N, C-alpha and C. Protein backbone atom coordinates (compact mmCIF):
# COMPACT_ATOMS: atom_id res chain seq x y z
N MET A 1 9.35 -35.94 -17.40
CA MET A 1 10.09 -35.64 -16.17
C MET A 1 10.79 -34.10 -16.43
N GLY A 2 11.36 -34.29 -17.36
CA GLY A 2 12.11 -32.88 -17.32
C GLY A 2 11.43 -31.71 -17.32
N LEU A 3 9.98 -31.28 -18.11
CA LEU A 3 9.57 -30.87 -18.20
C LEU A 3 8.92 -30.51 -17.09
N LEU A 4 8.39 -31.59 -16.06
CA LEU A 4 7.62 -31.19 -14.52
C LEU A 4 8.60 -30.45 -13.83
N ILE A 5 10.06 -31.09 -13.89
CA ILE A 5 11.15 -30.32 -12.74
C ILE A 5 11.26 -28.72 -12.94
N ILE A 6 11.23 -28.40 -14.41
CA ILE A 6 11.32 -27.00 -15.29
C ILE A 6 10.31 -26.16 -14.51
N ILE A 7 8.84 -26.85 -14.44
CA ILE A 7 7.32 -26.05 -13.92
C ILE A 7 7.83 -26.02 -12.54
N ALA A 8 8.04 -26.85 -11.80
CA ALA A 8 8.33 -26.79 -10.58
C ALA A 8 8.92 -25.78 -10.04
N ALA A 9 10.50 -25.35 -10.50
CA ALA A 9 10.86 -25.03 -10.60
C ALA A 9 10.89 -23.40 -10.68
N LEU A 10 9.77 -23.31 -11.86
CA LEU A 10 9.45 -22.20 -12.25
C LEU A 10 8.17 -21.05 -11.36
N ALA A 11 7.14 -22.20 -10.52
CA ALA A 11 6.85 -21.94 -9.93
C ALA A 11 6.96 -22.07 -8.36
N TRP A 12 8.08 -22.48 -8.17
CA TRP A 12 8.88 -21.94 -6.52
C TRP A 12 9.48 -20.61 -6.70
N LEU A 13 10.27 -20.41 -8.04
CA LEU A 13 10.54 -19.17 -8.35
C LEU A 13 9.57 -17.55 -8.00
N LEU A 14 8.47 -17.83 -8.73
CA LEU A 14 7.00 -17.38 -8.71
C LEU A 14 6.92 -17.33 -7.66
N GLN A 15 6.32 -17.81 -6.35
CA GLN A 15 6.14 -17.74 -5.20
C GLN A 15 7.04 -17.19 -4.37
N GLY A 16 8.27 -17.50 -4.57
CA GLY A 16 9.29 -16.67 -4.20
C GLY A 16 8.90 -14.92 -4.27
N MET A 17 9.17 -15.01 -5.38
CA MET A 17 8.88 -13.33 -5.87
C MET A 17 7.84 -12.95 -5.35
N LEU A 18 6.30 -13.26 -5.71
CA LEU A 18 5.21 -12.80 -5.02
C LEU A 18 5.22 -12.63 -3.58
N GLY A 19 5.97 -13.67 -2.50
CA GLY A 19 6.57 -13.44 -1.00
C GLY A 19 7.08 -12.36 -0.60
N LEU A 20 8.45 -11.64 -2.09
CA LEU A 20 8.77 -10.52 -1.76
C LEU A 20 8.25 -9.45 -1.72
N LEU A 21 6.81 -9.40 -2.61
CA LEU A 21 6.49 -8.40 -2.77
C LEU A 21 5.79 -8.36 -1.79
N GLN A 22 5.48 -9.48 -1.08
CA GLN A 22 4.30 -9.20 -0.09
C GLN A 22 4.95 -8.25 1.25
N ILE A 23 5.97 -9.25 1.49
CA ILE A 23 7.04 -8.44 2.65
C ILE A 23 7.03 -7.17 2.25
N ARG A 24 7.52 -6.81 0.84
CA ARG A 24 7.73 -5.68 0.73
C ARG A 24 6.43 -4.31 1.02
N ASN A 25 5.23 -4.91 0.86
CA ASN A 25 3.64 -4.39 1.17
C ASN A 25 4.29 -4.07 2.73
N PHE A 26 4.48 -5.25 3.37
CA PHE A 26 4.36 -5.02 5.23
C PHE A 26 5.06 -4.42 5.40
N ASN A 27 6.45 -4.37 5.00
CA ASN A 27 7.15 -3.59 5.22
C ASN A 27 6.84 -1.92 4.93
N LYS A 28 6.26 -1.42 4.03
CA LYS A 28 6.14 -0.25 3.75
C LYS A 28 5.01 0.62 4.93
N LYS A 29 3.99 -0.59 4.85
CA LYS A 29 2.75 -0.11 5.63
C LYS A 29 3.75 -0.07 7.38
N TYR A 30 3.87 -0.70 7.56
CA TYR A 30 5.04 -0.59 9.21
C TYR A 30 6.16 0.86 9.19
N THR A 31 6.71 1.21 8.00
CA THR A 31 7.11 2.12 8.11
C THR A 31 6.64 3.61 7.81
N GLU A 32 5.33 3.06 7.40
CA GLU A 32 4.15 4.52 7.70
C GLU A 32 3.59 4.57 8.54
N LEU A 33 3.55 3.79 9.24
CA LEU A 33 2.51 3.38 10.87
C LEU A 33 4.18 3.92 12.02
N ARG A 34 5.23 3.40 11.97
CA ARG A 34 6.65 3.84 12.66
C ARG A 34 6.55 5.34 12.65
N ARG A 35 6.22 5.90 11.49
CA ARG A 35 6.58 7.48 11.36
C ARG A 35 5.02 8.07 12.29
N LEU A 36 4.65 7.61 12.64
CA LEU A 36 3.44 8.45 13.94
C LEU A 36 3.40 7.83 15.30
N GLY A 37 4.23 6.84 15.50
CA GLY A 37 4.42 6.72 16.41
C GLY A 37 5.11 4.98 17.03
N ARG A 38 4.73 4.37 17.97
CA ARG A 38 5.30 3.05 18.43
C ARG A 38 4.12 2.15 17.55
N VAL A 39 4.59 1.14 17.68
CA VAL A 39 3.63 0.05 16.54
C VAL A 39 3.37 -1.30 17.52
N ALA A 40 2.69 -1.36 18.00
CA ALA A 40 2.12 -2.75 18.06
C ALA A 40 1.66 -3.33 17.04
N ILE A 41 2.22 -5.01 17.62
CA ILE A 41 1.84 -6.08 16.87
C ILE A 41 1.21 -6.97 17.36
N GLY A 42 0.81 -7.64 16.43
CA GLY A 42 -0.17 -8.66 16.73
C GLY A 42 -0.43 -9.80 15.74
N LYS A 43 -0.23 -10.92 15.71
CA LYS A 43 -0.70 -12.06 14.90
C LYS A 43 -1.72 -13.04 15.48
N LYS A 44 -2.41 -13.89 14.34
CA LYS A 44 -2.98 -15.20 14.70
C LYS A 44 -2.77 -16.21 13.47
N THR A 45 -1.66 -16.62 13.31
CA THR A 45 -1.47 -17.83 12.72
C THR A 45 -2.38 -18.88 11.85
N GLY A 46 -2.94 -19.07 10.70
CA GLY A 46 -3.93 -20.32 10.39
C GLY A 46 -2.70 -21.21 9.84
N LYS A 47 -2.63 -22.54 10.13
CA LYS A 47 -2.27 -23.61 9.96
C LYS A 47 -3.02 -24.12 8.46
N ILE A 48 -4.26 -23.95 8.27
CA ILE A 48 -5.06 -24.51 7.33
C ILE A 48 -5.89 -23.12 6.83
N ARG A 49 -6.29 -22.67 7.67
CA ARG A 49 -6.69 -21.41 7.21
C ARG A 49 -6.17 -20.01 6.72
N ALA A 50 -6.89 -18.84 6.88
CA ALA A 50 -6.08 -17.49 6.97
C ALA A 50 -5.39 -17.40 8.15
N GLY A 51 -4.04 -16.51 7.80
CA GLY A 51 -3.26 -16.02 8.95
C GLY A 51 -3.65 -14.43 9.08
N THR A 52 -3.85 -13.97 9.96
CA THR A 52 -3.71 -12.49 10.33
C THR A 52 -2.99 -11.56 11.12
N VAL A 53 -2.22 -10.58 10.87
CA VAL A 53 -1.68 -9.97 11.16
C VAL A 53 -2.08 -8.34 11.62
N VAL A 54 -2.22 -7.92 12.81
CA VAL A 54 -2.39 -6.39 12.96
C VAL A 54 -1.35 -5.71 13.28
N MET A 55 -2.17 -4.26 12.67
CA MET A 55 -0.66 -3.52 13.52
C MET A 55 -1.35 -2.21 13.59
N PHE A 56 -0.94 -1.69 15.00
CA PHE A 56 -1.34 -0.56 15.74
C PHE A 56 -0.55 0.46 16.14
N ALA A 57 -0.21 2.02 15.36
CA ALA A 57 0.35 2.93 15.57
C ALA A 57 -0.14 3.27 16.66
N ILE A 58 0.47 3.55 17.68
CA ILE A 58 -0.07 4.15 19.03
C ILE A 58 1.04 5.45 19.41
N ASP A 59 0.47 6.01 20.02
CA ASP A 59 1.48 7.60 21.08
C ASP A 59 1.45 6.85 21.79
N LYS A 60 2.25 7.80 23.13
CA LYS A 60 2.91 7.97 24.04
C LYS A 60 2.15 7.20 25.44
N ASP A 61 0.50 7.55 24.99
CA ASP A 61 -0.46 6.86 26.05
C ASP A 61 -1.19 5.98 26.12
N ALA A 62 -0.56 5.06 24.69
CA ALA A 62 -1.15 3.72 24.19
C ALA A 62 -2.49 4.18 23.20
N ARG A 63 -2.37 5.33 22.68
CA ARG A 63 -3.94 5.65 21.98
C ARG A 63 -3.58 5.33 20.52
N ILE A 64 -4.61 4.63 20.02
CA ILE A 64 -4.28 4.29 18.51
C ILE A 64 -4.71 5.54 17.83
N LEU A 65 -3.38 6.00 16.96
CA LEU A 65 -3.52 7.11 16.01
C LEU A 65 -3.83 6.17 14.71
N GLN A 66 -3.49 4.87 14.27
CA GLN A 66 -4.09 3.95 12.63
C GLN A 66 -3.89 2.37 12.94
N ALA A 67 -4.81 2.17 12.39
CA ALA A 67 -4.61 0.75 12.73
C ALA A 67 -4.47 -0.05 11.16
N ALA A 68 -4.00 -0.96 10.84
CA ALA A 68 -4.00 -1.97 10.04
C ALA A 68 -4.07 -3.63 9.43
N GLN A 69 -4.42 -3.87 8.57
CA GLN A 69 -4.28 -5.70 9.14
C GLN A 69 -3.91 -6.41 7.46
N MET A 70 -2.99 -7.51 7.77
CA MET A 70 -2.99 -8.17 6.77
C MET A 70 -3.72 -9.94 6.45
N GLN A 71 -4.47 -10.07 6.10
CA GLN A 71 -5.52 -11.10 6.23
C GLN A 71 -5.18 -12.40 5.22
N GLY A 72 -4.89 -13.04 4.86
CA GLY A 72 -5.15 -14.08 4.24
C GLY A 72 -4.63 -15.76 3.94
N VAL A 73 -4.07 -16.41 2.95
CA VAL A 73 -3.81 -17.59 3.27
C VAL A 73 -2.77 -17.26 1.95
N THR A 74 -3.12 -16.40 0.52
CA THR A 74 -1.50 -16.76 0.14
C THR A 74 -0.71 -15.92 -0.02
N VAL A 75 0.16 -15.46 -1.07
CA VAL A 75 1.05 -14.34 -1.26
C VAL A 75 0.27 -12.99 -1.84
N PHE A 76 -1.01 -13.11 -1.92
CA PHE A 76 -1.75 -11.97 -2.56
C PHE A 76 -2.19 -11.28 -1.66
N SER A 77 -2.20 -11.64 -0.30
CA SER A 77 -2.52 -10.81 1.11
C SER A 77 -1.70 -9.91 1.01
N ARG A 78 -2.83 -8.61 1.13
CA ARG A 78 -1.69 -7.01 0.87
C ARG A 78 -2.03 -6.15 2.58
N VAL A 79 -1.68 -5.32 3.21
CA VAL A 79 -1.98 -4.62 3.96
C VAL A 79 -2.94 -3.89 3.86
N ARG A 80 -4.20 -3.44 4.64
CA ARG A 80 -5.45 -2.73 4.85
C ARG A 80 -5.91 -2.13 5.50
N HIS A 81 -6.20 -0.93 5.38
CA HIS A 81 -6.63 0.09 6.65
C HIS A 81 -7.76 -0.81 7.70
N LEU A 82 -7.55 -0.57 8.87
CA LEU A 82 -8.22 -1.37 10.02
C LEU A 82 -9.43 -0.26 11.00
N LYS A 83 -10.28 -0.13 10.17
CA LYS A 83 -10.74 0.49 10.45
C LYS A 83 -12.02 0.59 11.68
N GLY A 84 -12.49 1.33 12.57
CA GLY A 84 -13.21 1.40 14.01
C GLY A 84 -12.16 1.39 14.73
N PHE A 85 -10.84 1.98 14.76
CA PHE A 85 -10.34 2.11 16.30
C PHE A 85 -9.60 2.98 16.72
N GLU A 86 -9.24 3.83 15.40
CA GLU A 86 -8.66 5.24 15.53
C GLU A 86 -9.08 5.98 16.93
N GLY A 87 -8.27 6.62 18.02
CA GLY A 87 -8.92 7.86 19.30
C GLY A 87 -8.68 6.55 20.54
N ARG A 88 -9.19 5.37 19.87
CA ARG A 88 -9.40 4.29 21.46
C ARG A 88 -8.04 4.29 22.06
N HIS A 89 -7.97 3.53 23.38
CA HIS A 89 -6.84 3.32 23.62
C HIS A 89 -6.48 2.08 23.56
N LEU A 90 -5.27 1.57 23.02
CA LEU A 90 -5.06 0.26 22.88
C LEU A 90 -5.12 -0.77 23.84
N LEU A 91 -5.13 -0.45 25.02
CA LEU A 91 -5.15 -1.56 26.28
C LEU A 91 -6.43 -1.45 26.79
N GLY A 92 -7.20 -0.51 26.41
CA GLY A 92 -8.61 -0.68 26.65
C GLY A 92 -9.82 -1.41 26.32
N LEU A 93 -9.05 -1.35 25.00
CA LEU A 93 -10.22 -2.22 23.97
C LEU A 93 -10.96 -3.75 24.85
N THR A 94 -12.26 -3.15 24.54
CA THR A 94 -13.27 -4.71 24.28
C THR A 94 -13.30 -5.50 24.26
N GLU A 95 -14.05 -6.43 24.01
CA GLU A 95 -14.53 -7.55 23.42
C GLU A 95 -15.69 -6.42 21.91
N GLN A 96 -16.41 -5.60 22.78
CA GLN A 96 -17.70 -4.66 21.87
C GLN A 96 -17.59 -3.73 21.17
N GLU A 97 -16.24 -3.61 21.39
CA GLU A 97 -15.04 -2.96 20.43
C GLU A 97 -14.62 -3.62 19.05
N MET A 98 -14.74 -5.23 19.01
CA MET A 98 -14.33 -5.69 18.29
C MET A 98 -15.22 -6.46 17.27
N LEU A 99 -16.62 -5.67 17.49
CA LEU A 99 -17.56 -7.38 17.23
C LEU A 99 -18.05 -6.85 15.50
N HIS A 100 -17.16 -5.88 14.82
CA HIS A 100 -17.17 -5.72 13.51
C HIS A 100 -15.40 -6.20 12.75
N CYS A 101 -15.08 -6.88 13.86
CA CYS A 101 -14.13 -7.65 12.99
C CYS A 101 -14.24 -9.38 13.47
N ASN A 102 -13.81 -10.02 12.11
CA ASN A 102 -13.60 -11.22 12.52
C ASN A 102 -13.16 -12.15 13.52
N GLN A 103 -13.12 -12.98 13.37
CA GLN A 103 -12.75 -14.60 15.37
C GLN A 103 -10.96 -14.00 14.44
N LEU A 104 -10.51 -14.36 13.86
CA LEU A 104 -9.24 -14.19 13.63
C LEU A 104 -8.70 -12.98 13.84
N THR A 105 -9.45 -11.95 13.54
CA THR A 105 -8.91 -10.34 13.39
C THR A 105 -8.67 -9.97 15.24
N ARG A 106 -10.15 -10.65 15.55
CA ARG A 106 -10.16 -10.48 17.18
C ARG A 106 -9.10 -11.12 18.37
N ALA A 107 -8.58 -12.46 17.46
CA ALA A 107 -7.29 -12.80 17.75
C ALA A 107 -6.39 -12.30 17.88
N ALA A 108 -5.81 -11.82 16.45
CA ALA A 108 -4.47 -10.88 16.83
C ALA A 108 -5.02 -9.38 17.07
N ILE A 109 -5.74 -9.43 17.94
CA ILE A 109 -5.90 -7.71 18.30
C ILE A 109 -5.40 -8.16 19.25
N MET A 110 -5.84 -9.45 20.26
CA MET A 110 -5.22 -9.38 21.92
C MET A 110 -3.89 -9.72 21.70
N ASP A 111 -3.94 -10.89 20.71
CA ASP A 111 -2.18 -10.51 21.05
C ASP A 111 -1.22 -9.62 20.91
N ALA A 112 -1.84 -8.74 20.56
CA ALA A 112 -1.57 -7.32 19.45
C ALA A 112 -1.36 -6.63 21.16
N LEU A 113 -2.60 -6.56 22.06
CA LEU A 113 -2.50 -6.21 23.32
C LEU A 113 -1.53 -6.70 24.45
N ASN A 114 -1.30 -7.92 24.32
CA ASN A 114 -0.70 -8.64 25.13
C ASN A 114 0.56 -8.55 24.93
N ASN A 115 0.77 -8.47 23.78
CA ASN A 115 2.20 -7.85 23.44
C ASN A 115 2.83 -6.34 24.02
N CYS A 116 1.64 -5.63 23.42
CA CYS A 116 1.76 -4.02 23.99
C CYS A 116 1.86 -4.00 25.68
N ASP A 117 0.96 -4.55 26.11
CA ASP A 117 0.90 -4.76 27.73
C ASP A 117 2.57 -4.95 28.21
N ILE A 118 3.44 -6.02 27.72
CA ILE A 118 4.62 -6.89 28.43
C ILE A 118 5.17 -5.77 28.37
N ILE A 119 5.35 -5.40 26.81
CA ILE A 119 6.51 -4.45 26.93
C ILE A 119 6.55 -3.11 27.55
N LEU A 120 5.28 -2.38 27.69
CA LEU A 120 5.11 -0.88 28.57
C LEU A 120 5.41 -1.46 29.86
N LYS A 121 5.38 -2.59 30.07
CA LYS A 121 5.44 -3.11 32.13
C LYS A 121 7.06 -3.25 31.75
N GLY A 122 8.00 -3.18 30.56
CA GLY A 122 9.15 -3.07 30.67
C GLY A 122 10.06 -5.04 30.70
N GLY A 123 8.87 -5.70 30.52
CA GLY A 123 8.84 -7.07 30.17
C GLY A 123 10.00 -6.99 28.46
N GLU A 124 10.04 -8.47 27.93
CA GLU A 124 10.30 -9.13 27.14
C GLU A 124 9.76 -10.07 26.32
N LEU A 125 9.06 -10.15 24.82
CA LEU A 125 8.18 -10.88 24.36
C LEU A 125 9.35 -12.66 24.42
N LYS A 126 8.48 -13.18 24.33
CA LYS A 126 8.95 -15.43 24.64
C LYS A 126 8.93 -14.97 23.12
N VAL A 127 10.45 -15.93 22.24
CA VAL A 127 9.87 -15.71 20.92
C VAL A 127 9.69 -17.25 20.95
N ARG A 128 8.72 -17.68 19.98
CA ARG A 128 7.94 -18.78 20.11
C ARG A 128 8.97 -19.94 19.37
N GLN A 129 9.06 -20.78 19.18
CA GLN A 129 10.07 -21.85 18.31
C GLN A 129 9.04 -22.18 17.23
N SER A 130 9.45 -22.15 15.87
CA SER A 130 8.84 -23.14 14.75
C SER A 130 8.78 -24.28 15.07
N TRP A 131 7.93 -25.45 14.09
CA TRP A 131 8.00 -26.34 14.43
C TRP A 131 9.09 -26.86 13.82
N LEU A 132 10.04 -26.47 13.08
CA LEU A 132 11.03 -27.10 12.67
C LEU A 132 12.47 -26.87 14.16
N GLU A 133 12.22 -25.95 14.86
CA GLU A 133 13.45 -25.70 15.78
C GLU A 133 12.68 -26.41 16.98
N ARG A 134 11.58 -26.78 17.15
CA ARG A 134 10.96 -28.15 18.29
C ARG A 134 11.64 -29.21 17.48
N LEU A 135 11.74 -29.65 16.57
CA LEU A 135 12.36 -31.16 15.65
C LEU A 135 13.71 -30.92 16.32
N MET A 136 13.89 -30.09 16.35
CA MET A 136 15.87 -29.87 15.99
C MET A 136 16.43 -29.12 17.42
N PRO A 137 15.93 -29.56 18.41
CA PRO A 137 16.77 -28.50 19.67
C PRO A 137 18.23 -27.92 19.60
N ALA A 138 18.56 -26.83 19.76
CA ALA A 138 19.74 -26.19 19.63
C ALA A 138 20.68 -26.86 20.65
N LYS A 139 22.05 -26.65 20.16
CA LYS A 139 23.08 -27.65 20.67
C LYS A 139 24.00 -26.06 21.41
N LYS A 140 24.11 -26.31 23.03
CA LYS A 140 24.57 -25.26 23.69
C LYS A 140 25.81 -25.52 24.01
C-alpha cells in the first residue's frame, strides 16, 4: 500500500513539473509574439479530446504578423508555428482561409476573432467560471 502511495506521489510531481515546462513554453512564445505587437488569443477546450490555443501577433490595423498554436491532450503539447495566416486581416478571416486547419483549430481561431473584436470595440471579455466555481458560488 505504501508503495502505491509513493508511486502516485511521484506521478503527481512529474505531472506538475511537465505542466510547468509546458507553461514556460507557452509564456516564452507569447513573449516573442508580444514583442511584435498585440496578441489575440483564442481557445477551444476539450473535455475528452484535445484542447487548442491559438495566438496571433497583430499590428495596429489587426493584420496578422505571426500565428502560433498549441494543441493536444497531454502536458507534452508545445506551441508550434501556425502557417498560412501571415499578412491577412484577423477580423476578415473567412472559413475558406481556415480550411487547412482542423475543426478544433478553426473554433479556437473564431474565439480569437471574437475576443479581438470585443477588445477593439472597447469592450471587456467575460471570464467564464470553472466547474468548481459554478458548484461553489462566491460569497458577497
